[in-house]
Protein backbone atom coordinates (compact mmCIF):
# COMPACT_ATOMS: atom_id res chain seq x y z
CA UNK A 1 -6.14 -13.25 -8.56
CA UNK A 2 -9.71 -13.82 -9.72
CA UNK A 3 -12.89 -12.25 -8.41
CA UNK A 4 -16.23 -14.01 -8.94
CA UNK A 5 -19.30 -11.93 -8.07
CA UNK A 6 -22.79 -13.32 -7.51
CA UNK A 7 -26.17 -11.65 -7.09
CA UNK A 8 -28.58 -12.18 -4.19
CA UNK A 9 -29.94 -15.28 -5.95
CA UNK A 10 -26.42 -16.73 -5.87
CA UNK A 11 -26.02 -16.57 -9.64
CA UNK A 12 -22.67 -15.60 -11.10
CA UNK A 13 -22.94 -12.17 -12.67
CA UNK A 14 -19.29 -11.22 -13.09
CA UNK A 15 -15.86 -12.82 -13.20
CA UNK A 16 -12.61 -10.97 -13.67
CA UNK A 17 -8.89 -11.51 -13.30
CA UNK A 18 -7.92 -8.55 -11.12
CA UNK A 19 -4.23 -9.20 -10.89
CA UNK A 20 -1.53 -11.43 -12.29
CA UNK A 21 1.16 -11.67 -9.64
CA UNK A 22 4.71 -12.86 -9.55
CA UNK A 23 5.99 -16.19 -8.27
CA UNK A 24 5.99 -14.91 -4.69
CA UNK A 25 4.00 -11.69 -4.50
CA UNK A 26 0.61 -10.13 -5.05
CA UNK A 27 -0.23 -6.47 -4.79
CA UNK A 28 -3.95 -5.88 -4.62
CA UNK A 29 -6.03 -3.60 -2.40
CA UNK A 30 -9.38 -4.36 -0.82
CA UNK A 31 -10.67 -1.16 -2.43
CA UNK A 32 -10.12 -2.66 -5.90
CA UNK A 33 -12.12 -5.76 -5.00
CA UNK A 34 -15.04 -3.91 -3.42
CA UNK A 35 -15.12 -1.39 -6.27
CA UNK A 36 -15.76 -4.21 -8.76
CA UNK A 37 -18.46 -5.75 -6.57
CA UNK A 38 -20.20 -2.39 -6.24
CA UNK A 39 -20.01 -1.66 -9.97
CA UNK A 40 -21.53 -5.04 -10.81
CA UNK A 41 -24.22 -4.70 -8.10
CA UNK A 42 -23.04 -7.90 -6.47
CA UNK A 43 -23.83 -9.33 -3.08
CA UNK A 44 -21.82 -12.55 -2.65
CA UNK A 45 -18.31 -13.12 -3.91
CA UNK A 46 -15.40 -15.54 -4.15
CA UNK A 47 -11.74 -14.69 -4.49
CA UNK A 48 -9.38 -17.22 -6.01
CA UNK A 49 -5.64 -17.23 -6.49
CA UNK A 50 -3.06 -19.81 -7.39
CA UNK A 51 0.19 -20.93 -5.83
CA UNK A 52 2.43 -21.64 -8.83
CA UNK A 53 4.81 -23.66 -6.64
CA UNK A 54 2.05 -26.23 -6.04
CA UNK A 55 1.90 -25.66 -2.29
CA UNK A 56 -1.70 -25.73 -1.04
CA UNK A 57 -0.86 -24.33 2.38
CA UNK A 58 -2.04 -20.78 2.96
CA UNK A 59 0.60 -18.23 3.87
CA UNK A 60 0.25 -15.88 6.83
CA UNK A 61 -0.36 -13.10 4.27
CA UNK A 62 -3.18 -15.16 2.70
CA UNK A 63 -4.82 -15.58 6.10
CA UNK A 64 -4.48 -11.90 7.04
CA UNK A 65 -5.87 -10.80 3.67
CA UNK A 66 -8.84 -13.17 4.07
CA UNK A 67 -9.56 -11.93 7.59
CA UNK A 68 -9.53 -8.34 6.29
CA UNK A 69 -11.87 -9.33 3.46
CA UNK A 70 -14.29 -10.88 5.96
CA UNK A 71 -14.17 -7.87 8.27
CA UNK A 72 -14.69 -5.22 5.61
CA UNK A 73 -17.27 -7.29 3.72
CA UNK A 74 -19.44 -7.40 6.82
CA UNK A 75 -19.09 -3.65 7.31
CA UNK A 76 -20.13 -2.90 3.73
CA UNK A 77 -22.84 -5.56 3.48
CA UNK A 78 -21.21 -8.04 1.10
CA UNK A 79 -20.72 -11.74 1.78
CA UNK A 80 -17.44 -13.51 1.08
CA UNK A 81 -18.29 -17.11 0.20
CA UNK A 82 -14.68 -18.29 0.12
CA UNK A 83 -11.09 -17.49 -0.65
CA UNK A 84 -9.67 -20.42 -2.60
CA UNK A 85 -6.07 -21.29 -3.33
CA UNK A 86 -5.71 -23.47 -6.40
CA UNK A 87 -2.84 -25.58 -7.69
CA UNK A 88 -2.38 -28.39 -10.21
CA UNK A 89 -3.19 -30.90 -7.46
CA UNK A 90 -6.32 -29.35 -5.99
CA UNK A 91 -7.66 -26.46 -3.96
CA UNK A 92 -7.65 -25.13 -0.41
CA UNK A 93 -10.46 -23.21 1.30
CA UNK A 94 -9.22 -20.42 3.52
CA UNK A 95 -12.69 -19.77 4.95
CA UNK A 96 -12.95 -23.39 5.99
CA UNK A 97 -9.60 -23.12 7.79
CA UNK A 98 -10.38 -19.80 9.48
CA UNK A 99 -13.75 -21.03 10.76
CA UNK A 100 -12.15 -23.92 12.68
């Protein structure tokens, strides 16, 4: 699970692997993500994770996590640019799906 933080000018100021999960699980709290954004004085951010099985379809857990990120980001004043799932064959934008 990778966090990419940008400043108000939309320039990348920080990138960090926050968690290396297992084949089927990820344990990461929103607090850990927002802590890093605050420490780096970020404004915009991306979160990225992979699906080792190659499946580009978002799980229900992926969607719930993204919705929580959006909700809490707005409350705190940050802006989630996207939550991307990546595989060997491409990527999938959760924000694009949730906005439809």
